[in-house]
Amino acid sequence: MSKKKKFPRESFVSMTELVLPNDTNTLNNLMGGRLMHWMDIVSAISAQKHSNRIVVTASVDNISFKHPIQLGNVVTLKAKVTRAFNSSMEVRIDVEAEDVPSSKRTESNSAYFTFVAVDQSGRPIDVPEIEPETEEEKSLYDGALRRRQLRLILANRMNPQDAKELKSIFDIKETQN
């Protein structure tokens, strides 16, 4: 029996926040921890929409801050599932900051979070597959396997020698002993 398939658009979530004084550091910029909290929320909702299950955060990829987000900015976070494996889902989050009075928008961050769908007892449970539609979705889907292998290697859950997708991008040849 084949798994049910869903499209990335079905998991799309957009969340908007206003940067208030309590969200900022002493330079009046949004604290990184607050942004990561918002990213976790929006991506968890996306994973829940895809899986129709309770989800838990399994990993967070590198979050680099391209531009500071300032007090009074409106922050828009957009998330959608890029690929689903057995019980896990990779979610991409894009963050944009807007200074509404000047109409200036800045791409601030993007990241990948991984979630695992769980049943009522907290055990992992299968999720629907993803069927990408657009060229961008297909590219994100294809890259997800490499990103997953890298995550597993960094977590000591995969031997680097077994990461076939990663080897392919570096054109590493297998050696025989």
C-alpha atoms as a PDB file:
ATOM      1  CA  MET A   1       0.000   0.000   0.000  1.00  0.00           C
ATOM      2  CA  SER A   2       1.478   3.354  -1.003  1.00  0.00           C
ATOM      3  CA  LYS A   3       1.626   6.303   1.338  1.00  0.00           C
ATOM      4  CA  LYS A   4      -0.672   9.271   0.904  1.00  0.00           C
ATOM      5  CA  LYS A   5       0.960  12.208  -0.873  1.00  0.00           C
ATOM      6  CA  LYS A   6       0.569  15.895  -0.157  1.00  0.00           C
ATOM      7  CA  PHE A   7       1.818  19.028  -1.883  1.00  0.00           C
ATOM      8  CA  PRO A   8       4.134  21.523  -0.144  1.00  0.00           C
ATOM      9  CA  ARG A   9       1.487  24.247  -0.558  1.00  0.00           C
ATOM     10  CA  GLU A  10      -0.773  22.286   1.793  1.00  0.00           C
ATOM     11  CA  SER A  11       1.701  22.831   4.630  1.00  0.00           C
ATOM     12  CA  PHE A  12       2.358  26.526   3.918  1.00  0.00           C
ATOM     13  CA  VAL A  13       2.113  28.803   6.954  1.00  0.00           C
ATOM     14  CA  SER A  14       2.707  32.539   7.195  1.00  0.00           C
ATOM     15  CA  MET A  15       3.061  34.202  10.592  1.00  0.00           C
ATOM     16  CA  THR A  16       3.509  37.903  11.311  1.00  0.00           C
ATOM     17  CA  GLU A  17       4.974  39.455  14.443  1.00  0.00           C
ATOM     18  CA  LEU A  18       5.703  43.031  15.508  1.00  0.00           C
ATOM     19  CA  VAL A  19       9.087  43.602  17.194  1.00  0.00           C
ATOM     20  CA  LEU A  20       8.317  45.202  20.542  1.00  0.00           C
ATOM     21  CA  PRO A  21      10.739  46.539  23.187  1.00  0.00           C
ATOM     22  CA  ASN A  22      10.575  43.303  25.199  1.00  0.00           C
ATOM     23  CA  ASP A  23      11.784  41.392  22.082  1.00  0.00           C
ATOM     24  CA  THR A  24      14.985  43.422  21.655  1.00  0.00           C
ATOM     25  CA  ASN A  25      18.522  43.584  22.950  1.00  0.00           C
ATOM     26  CA  THR A  26      20.325  46.727  24.162  1.00  0.00           C
ATOM     27  CA  LEU A  27      20.921  47.784  20.534  1.00  0.00           C
ATOM     28  CA  ASN A  28      17.150  47.728  19.850  1.00  0.00           C
ATOM     29  CA  ASN A  29      17.537  44.732  17.546  1.00  0.00           C
ATOM     30  CA  LEU A  30      15.412  41.597  17.757  1.00  0.00           C
ATOM     31  CA  MET A  31      17.020  39.024  20.041  1.00  0.00           C
ATOM     32  CA  GLY A  32      18.129  35.912  18.158  1.00  0.00           C
ATOM     33  CA  GLY A  33      16.456  33.625  20.660  1.00  0.00           C
ATOM     34  CA  ARG A  34      13.110  35.326  20.140  1.00  0.00           C
ATOM     35  CA  LEU A  35      13.409  34.902  16.369  1.00  0.00           C
ATOM     36  CA  MET A  36      14.342  31.234  16.785  1.00  0.00           C
ATOM     37  CA  HIS A  37      11.279  30.793  19.015  1.00  0.00           C
ATOM     38  CA  TRP A  38       9.038  32.270  16.308  1.00  0.00           C
ATOM     39  CA  MET A  39      10.745  30.090  13.664  1.00  0.00           C
ATOM     40  CA  ASP A  40      10.109  26.985  15.769  1.00  0.00           C
ATOM     41  CA  ILE A  41       6.427  27.865  16.124  1.00  0.00           C
ATOM     42  CA  VAL A  42       5.776  28.577  12.436  1.00  0.00           C
ATOM     43  CA  SER A  43       7.657  25.482  11.285  1.00  0.00           C
ATOM     44  CA  ALA A  44       5.927  23.245  13.840  1.00  0.00           C
ATOM     45  CA  ILE A  45       2.530  24.425  12.584  1.00  0.00           C
ATOM     46  CA  SER A  46       3.640  23.651   9.027  1.00  0.00           C
ATOM     47  CA  ALA A  47       4.758  20.142  10.009  1.00  0.00           C
ATOM     48  CA  GLN A  48       1.496  19.583  11.883  1.00  0.00           C
ATOM     49  CA  LYS A  49      -0.512  20.647   8.820  1.00  0.00           C
ATOM     50  CA  HIS A  50       1.432  18.183   6.673  1.00  0.00           C
ATOM     51  CA  SER A  51       1.241  15.242   9.054  1.00  0.00           C
ATOM     52  CA  ASN A  52      -2.057  15.956  10.850  1.00  0.00           C
ATOM     53  CA  ARG A  53      -0.192  14.820  13.955  1.00  0.00           C
ATOM     54  CA  ILE A  54       1.538  16.138  17.041  1.00  0.00           C
ATOM     55  CA  VAL A  55       5.131  16.990  16.105  1.00  0.00           C
ATOM     56  CA  VAL A  56       8.348  17.473  18.036  1.00  0.00           C
ATOM     57  CA  THR A  57      11.426  19.412  16.961  1.00  0.00           C
ATOM     58  CA  ALA A  58      14.221  16.978  16.074  1.00  0.00           C
ATOM     59  CA  SER A  59      16.878  19.355  14.768  1.00  0.00           C
ATOM     60  CA  VAL A  60      17.579  22.907  13.707  1.00  0.00           C
ATOM     61  CA  ASP A  61      20.067  23.661  10.972  1.00  0.00           C
ATOM     62  CA  ASN A  62      22.422  26.581  11.026  1.00  0.00           C
ATOM     63  CA  ILE A  63      20.677  29.911  11.518  1.00  0.00           C
ATOM     64  CA  SER A  64      22.719  32.817  10.223  1.00  0.00           C
ATOM     65  CA  PHE A  65      21.609  36.383  10.720  1.00  0.00           C
ATOM     66  CA  LYS A  66      22.068  38.290   7.454  1.00  0.00           C
ATOM     67  CA  HIS A  67      20.627  41.582   8.683  1.00  0.00           C
ATOM     68  CA  PRO A  68      19.497  42.813  12.083  1.00  0.00           C
ATOM     69  CA  ILE A  69      15.762  43.191  12.634  1.00  0.00           C
ATOM     70  CA  GLN A  70      14.977  46.407  14.413  1.00  0.00           C
ATOM     71  CA  LEU A  71      12.507  47.540  17.039  1.00  0.00           C
ATOM     72  CA  GLY A  72       9.184  48.349  15.344  1.00  0.00           C
ATOM     73  CA  ASN A  73       9.813  46.129  12.306  1.00  0.00           C
ATOM     74  CA  VAL A  74       7.103  43.758  11.150  1.00  0.00           C
ATOM     75  CA  VAL A  75       8.513  40.242  10.824  1.00  0.00           C
ATOM     76  CA  THR A  76       6.943  37.759   8.415  1.00  0.00           C
ATOM     77  CA  LEU A  77       7.904  34.106   8.735  1.00  0.00           C
ATOM     78  CA  LYS A  78       6.924  31.695   5.970  1.00  0.00           C
ATOM     79  CA  ALA A  79       7.265  27.940   6.324  1.00  0.00           C
ATOM     80  CA  LYS A  80       6.466  24.818   4.342  1.00  0.00           C
ATOM     81  CA  VAL A  81       7.488  21.185   4.322  1.00  0.00           C
ATOM     82  CA  THR A  82      10.141  20.500   1.680  1.00  0.00           C
ATOM     83  CA  ARG A  83      10.385  16.727   2.090  1.00  0.00           C
ATOM     84  CA  ALA A  84       8.991  13.981   4.267  1.00  0.00           C
ATOM     85  CA  PHE A  85      10.805  10.791   5.151  1.00  0.00           C
ATOM     86  CA  ASN A  86       9.284   8.044   7.336  1.00  0.00           C
ATOM     87  CA  SER A  87       8.174   9.952  10.411  1.00  0.00           C
ATOM     88  CA  SER A  88      10.315  13.064   9.930  1.00  0.00           C
ATOM     89  CA  MET A  89       9.754  16.199   7.875  1.00  0.00           C
ATOM     90  CA  GLU A  90      12.133  18.930   6.782  1.00  0.00           C
ATOM     91  CA  VAL A  91      10.591  22.405   6.947  1.00  0.00           C
ATOM     92  CA  ARG A  92      12.099  25.511   5.345  1.00  0.00           C
ATOM     93  CA  ILE A  93      11.504  28.852   7.013  1.00  0.00           C
ATOM     94  CA  ASP A  94      12.109  32.208   5.333  1.00  0.00           C
ATOM     95  CA  VAL A  95      12.128  35.378   7.422  1.00  0.00           C
ATOM     96  CA  GLU A  96      11.530  38.894   6.124  1.00  0.00           C
ATOM     97  CA  ALA A  97      11.610  42.115   8.120  1.00  0.00           C
ATOM     98  CA  GLU A  98       9.710  45.213   7.039  1.00  0.00           C
ATOM     99  CA  ASP A  99      10.051  48.802   8.151  1.00  0.00           C
ATOM    100  CA  VAL A 100       6.439  49.712   7.388  1.00  0.00           C
ATOM    101  CA  PRO A 101       6.803  53.549   7.380  1.00  0.00           C
ATOM    102  CA  SER A 102       9.577  53.387   4.748  1.00  0.00           C
ATOM    103  CA  SER A 103       8.179  50.291   2.950  1.00  0.00           C
ATOM    104  CA  LYS A 104      11.672  48.773   3.137  1.00  0.00           C
ATOM    105  CA  ARG A 105      11.737  44.964   3.210  1.00  0.00           C
ATOM    106  CA  THR A 106      14.792  42.913   4.093  1.00  0.00           C
ATOM    107  CA  GLU A 107      15.351  39.174   3.819  1.00  0.00           C
ATOM    108  CA  SER A 108      16.763  38.406   7.232  1.00  0.00           C
ATOM    109  CA  ASN A 109      17.045  34.644   7.643  1.00  0.00           C
ATOM    110  CA  SER A 110      16.257  31.233   6.317  1.00  0.00           C
ATOM    111  CA  ALA A 111      16.720  27.857   7.932  1.00  0.00           C
ATOM    112  CA  TYR A 112      15.636  24.245   7.928  1.00  0.00           C
ATOM    113  CA  PHE A 113      14.027  22.613  10.926  1.00  0.00           C
ATOM    114  CA  THR A 114      13.300  18.899  11.198  1.00  0.00           C
ATOM    115  CA  PHE A 115      10.239  17.579  12.979  1.00  0.00           C
ATOM    116  CA  VAL A 116       9.096  14.079  13.863  1.00  0.00           C
ATOM    117  CA  ALA A 117       5.403  13.211  13.946  1.00  0.00           C
ATOM    118  CA  VAL A 118       4.407  11.256  17.017  1.00  0.00           C
ATOM    119  CA  ASP A 119       1.346   9.356  18.175  1.00  0.00           C
ATOM    120  CA  GLN A 120      -0.459   9.972  21.490  1.00  0.00           C
ATOM    121  CA  SER A 121       2.194   7.894  23.289  1.00  0.00           C
ATOM    122  CA  GLY A 122       5.039   9.954  21.852  1.00  0.00           C
ATOM    123  CA  ARG A 123       6.236   7.247  19.434  1.00  0.00           C
ATOM    124  CA  PRO A 124       7.208   8.208  15.864  1.00  0.00           C
ATOM    125  CA  ILE A 125       4.472   7.643  13.303  1.00  0.00           C
ATOM    126  CA  ASP A 126       4.530   7.640   9.487  1.00  0.00           C
ATOM    127  CA  VAL A 127       3.736  10.835   7.608  1.00  0.00           C
ATOM    128  CA  PRO A 128       2.511  11.457   4.056  1.00  0.00           C
ATOM    129  CA  GLU A 129       5.065  11.872   1.287  1.00  0.00           C
ATOM    130  CA  ILE A 130       5.654  15.227  -0.417  1.00  0.00           C
ATOM    131  CA  GLU A 131       5.010  15.734  -4.100  1.00  0.00           C
ATOM    132  CA  PRO A 132       6.778  18.921  -5.213  1.00  0.00           C
ATOM    133  CA  GLU A 133       5.062  20.948  -7.943  1.00  0.00           C
ATOM    134  CA  THR A 134       7.227  23.960  -8.781  1.00  0.00           C
ATOM    135  CA  GLU A 135      10.863  24.033  -9.867  1.00  0.00           C
ATOM    136  CA  GLU A 136      11.828  25.630  -6.543  1.00  0.00           C
ATOM    137  CA  GLU A 137       9.980  22.907  -4.621  1.00  0.00           C
ATOM    138  CA  LYS A 138      11.688  20.208  -6.709  1.00  0.00           C
ATOM    139  CA  SER A 139      15.095  21.758  -6.002  1.00  0.00           C
ATOM    140  CA  LEU A 140      14.385  21.947  -2.243  1.00  0.00           C
ATOM    141  CA  TYR A 141      13.086  18.363  -2.316  1.00  0.00           C
ATOM    142  CA  ASP A 142      16.208  17.080  -4.090  1.00  0.00           C
ATOM    143  CA  GLY A 143      18.537  18.903  -1.699  1.00  0.00           C
ATOM    144  CA  ALA A 144      16.683  17.626   1.365  1.00  0.00           C
ATOM    145  CA  LEU A 145      18.277  14.184   1.190  1.00  0.00           C
ATOM    146  CA  ARG A 146      21.788  15.702   1.245  1.00  0.00           C
ATOM    147  CA  ARG A 147      20.845  18.009   4.121  1.00  0.00           C
ATOM    148  CA  ARG A 148      19.370  15.019   5.990  1.00  0.00           C
ATOM    149  CA  GLN A 149      22.539  12.985   5.539  1.00  0.00           C
ATOM    150  CA  LEU A 150      24.640  15.888   6.800  1.00  0.00           C
ATOM    151  CA  ARG A 151      22.382  16.243   9.873  1.00  0.00           C
ATOM    152  CA  LEU A 152      22.673  12.518  10.584  1.00  0.00           C
ATOM    153  CA  ILE A 153      26.468  12.597  10.254  1.00  0.00           C
ATOM    154  CA  LEU A 154      26.746  15.608  12.568  1.00  0.00           C
ATOM    155  CA  ALA A 155      24.533  13.831  15.116  1.00  0.00           C
ATOM    156  CA  ASN A 156      26.731  10.694  14.892  1.00  0.00           C
ATOM    157  CA  ARG A 157      23.732   8.740  13.590  1.00  0.00           C
ATOM    158  CA  MET A 158      25.261   8.032  10.167  1.00  0.00           C
ATOM    159  CA  ASN A 159      28.721   7.002   9.079  1.00  0.00           C
ATOM    160  CA  PRO A 160      30.102   9.536   6.546  1.00  0.00           C
ATOM    161  CA  GLN A 161      31.049   6.601   4.318  1.00  0.00           C
ATOM    162  CA  ASP A 162      27.331   5.766   3.959  1.00  0.00           C
ATOM    163  CA  ALA A 163      26.316   9.265   2.799  1.00  0.00           C
ATOM    164  CA  LYS A 164      25.946   8.491  -0.892  1.00  0.00           C
ATOM    165  CA  GLU A 165      24.121  11.725  -1.751  1.00  0.00           C
ATOM    166  CA  LEU A 166      26.809  13.847  -0.110  1.00  0.00           C
ATOM    167  CA  LYS A 167      29.558  11.925  -1.862  1.00  0.00           C
ATOM    168  CA  SER A 168      27.893  12.558  -5.206  1.00  0.00           C
ATOM    169  CA  ILE A 169      28.160  16.348  -4.882  1.00  0.00           C
ATOM    170  CA  PHE A 170      31.870  16.087  -4.089  1.00  0.00           C
ATOM    171  CA  ASP A 171      32.453  13.432  -6.754  1.00  0.00           C
ATOM    172  CA  ILE A 172      34.060  11.118  -4.199  1.00  0.00           C
ATOM    173  CA  LYS A 173      34.828   7.695  -5.602  1.00  0.00           C
ATOM    174  CA  GLU A 174      34.426   4.545  -3.554  1.00  0.00           C
ATOM    175  CA  THR A 175      37.736   2.803  -2.884  1.00  0.00           C
ATOM    176  CA  GLN A 176      38.097  -0.936  -2.654  1.00  0.00           C
ATOM    177  CA  ASN A 177      40.325  -2.476   0.039  1.00  0.00           C
END
